[in-house]
Every structure is written in C-alpha cells, then in structure tokens.
C-alpha cells in the first residue's frame, strides 16, 4: 500500500507507530514533513504538501493517541 498526502489518517497511524515516544502536539511542521517523507510506504510528490495538510496529519496523530 502506498501512502499519499491525502491519506491523513493512515499517515498518522504510521507516524504513531514509527515515533512512539513523540508527543505530536509539540512536533514542528518541518520535522513532521520530513518524517512523512521518510515513511517506507510514502510515495507522493513532496511539493504537494502544504501547511494545511501537515496540520491535518498532526491533528489525526493527536486523535490517534487519545
């Protein structure tokens, strides 16, 4: 399964699993973007990402932990 920027919930789950000790409320968008790009199943254009997408991923990650 390949992940795209639009797969917000799946990206949040992957980030939660790959960074279990991280509190997503305190992750800056630069790190978040780099972590998404480094996910093994991620395959999308890095230029298609904006602040709203990163915010949605961060919010989904927070929800995933709650």
Protein backbone atom coordinates (compact mmCIF):
# COMPACT_ATOMS: atom_id res chain seq x y z
CA UNK A 1 0.00 0.00 0.00
CA UNK A 2 1.42 3.36 -0.96
CA UNK A 3 0.57 6.43 1.05
CA UNK A 4 -0.20 9.86 -0.37
CA UNK A 5 -0.61 13.25 1.33
CA UNK A 6 -4.37 12.71 1.24
CA UNK A 7 -4.11 9.55 3.39
CA UNK A 8 -4.11 11.67 6.53
CA UNK A 9 -5.35 9.03 8.99
CA UNK A 10 -3.07 6.30 7.62
CA UNK A 11 -0.11 8.66 7.80
CA UNK A 12 -1.00 9.49 11.41
CA UNK A 13 -1.09 5.78 12.30
CA UNK A 14 2.26 5.16 10.62
CA UNK A 15 3.83 8.13 12.41
CA UNK A 16 2.41 6.96 15.72
CA UNK A 17 3.96 3.54 15.22
CA UNK A 18 7.32 4.82 13.97
CA UNK A 19 7.67 7.54 16.64
CA UNK A 20 6.01 6.06 19.75
CA UNK A 21 7.80 8.34 22.21
CA UNK A 22 6.87 11.59 20.43
CA UNK A 23 4.04 13.84 21.56
CA UNK A 24 2.57 15.10 18.26
CA UNK A 25 1.34 18.31 19.90
CA UNK A 26 4.94 19.51 20.05
CA UNK A 27 6.18 18.42 16.62
CA UNK A 28 7.07 21.27 14.28
CA UNK A 29 5.94 21.07 10.66
CA UNK A 30 9.48 20.77 9.29
CA UNK A 31 10.09 17.59 11.30
CA UNK A 32 6.61 16.28 10.58
CA UNK A 33 7.08 16.72 6.83
CA UNK A 34 10.48 15.01 6.95
CA UNK A 35 9.09 12.11 8.96
CA UNK A 36 6.25 11.61 6.48
CA UNK A 37 8.68 11.71 3.56
CA UNK A 38 10.84 9.07 5.27
CA UNK A 39 7.98 6.60 5.80
CA UNK A 40 8.65 3.42 3.86
CA UNK A 41 5.19 3.31 2.23
CA UNK A 42 5.02 7.00 1.40
CA UNK A 43 5.09 7.76 -2.32
CA UNK A 44 3.89 11.21 -3.30
CA UNK A 45 5.29 14.46 -4.61
CA UNK A 46 6.97 16.33 -1.72
CA UNK A 47 5.89 19.62 -3.31
CA UNK A 48 2.19 18.74 -2.94
CA UNK A 49 2.36 19.24 0.81
CA UNK A 50 1.29 22.44 2.49
CA UNK A 51 0.67 23.70 5.99
CA UNK A 52 -2.99 22.62 5.96
CA UNK A 53 -2.04 19.05 5.07
CA UNK A 54 0.57 18.93 7.82
CA UNK A 55 -1.90 20.37 10.30
CA UNK A 56 -4.46 17.71 9.35
CA UNK A 57 -1.85 14.95 9.78
CA UNK A 58 -0.81 16.36 13.16
CA UNK A 59 -4.45 16.57 14.35
CA UNK A 60 -5.12 13.00 13.20
CA UNK A 61 -1.99 11.83 15.03
CA UNK A 62 -3.17 13.55 18.22
CA UNK A 63 -6.60 11.92 17.81
CA UNK A 64 -4.92 8.55 17.25
CA UNK A 65 -3.19 8.80 20.61
CA UNK A 66 -6.35 9.80 22.51
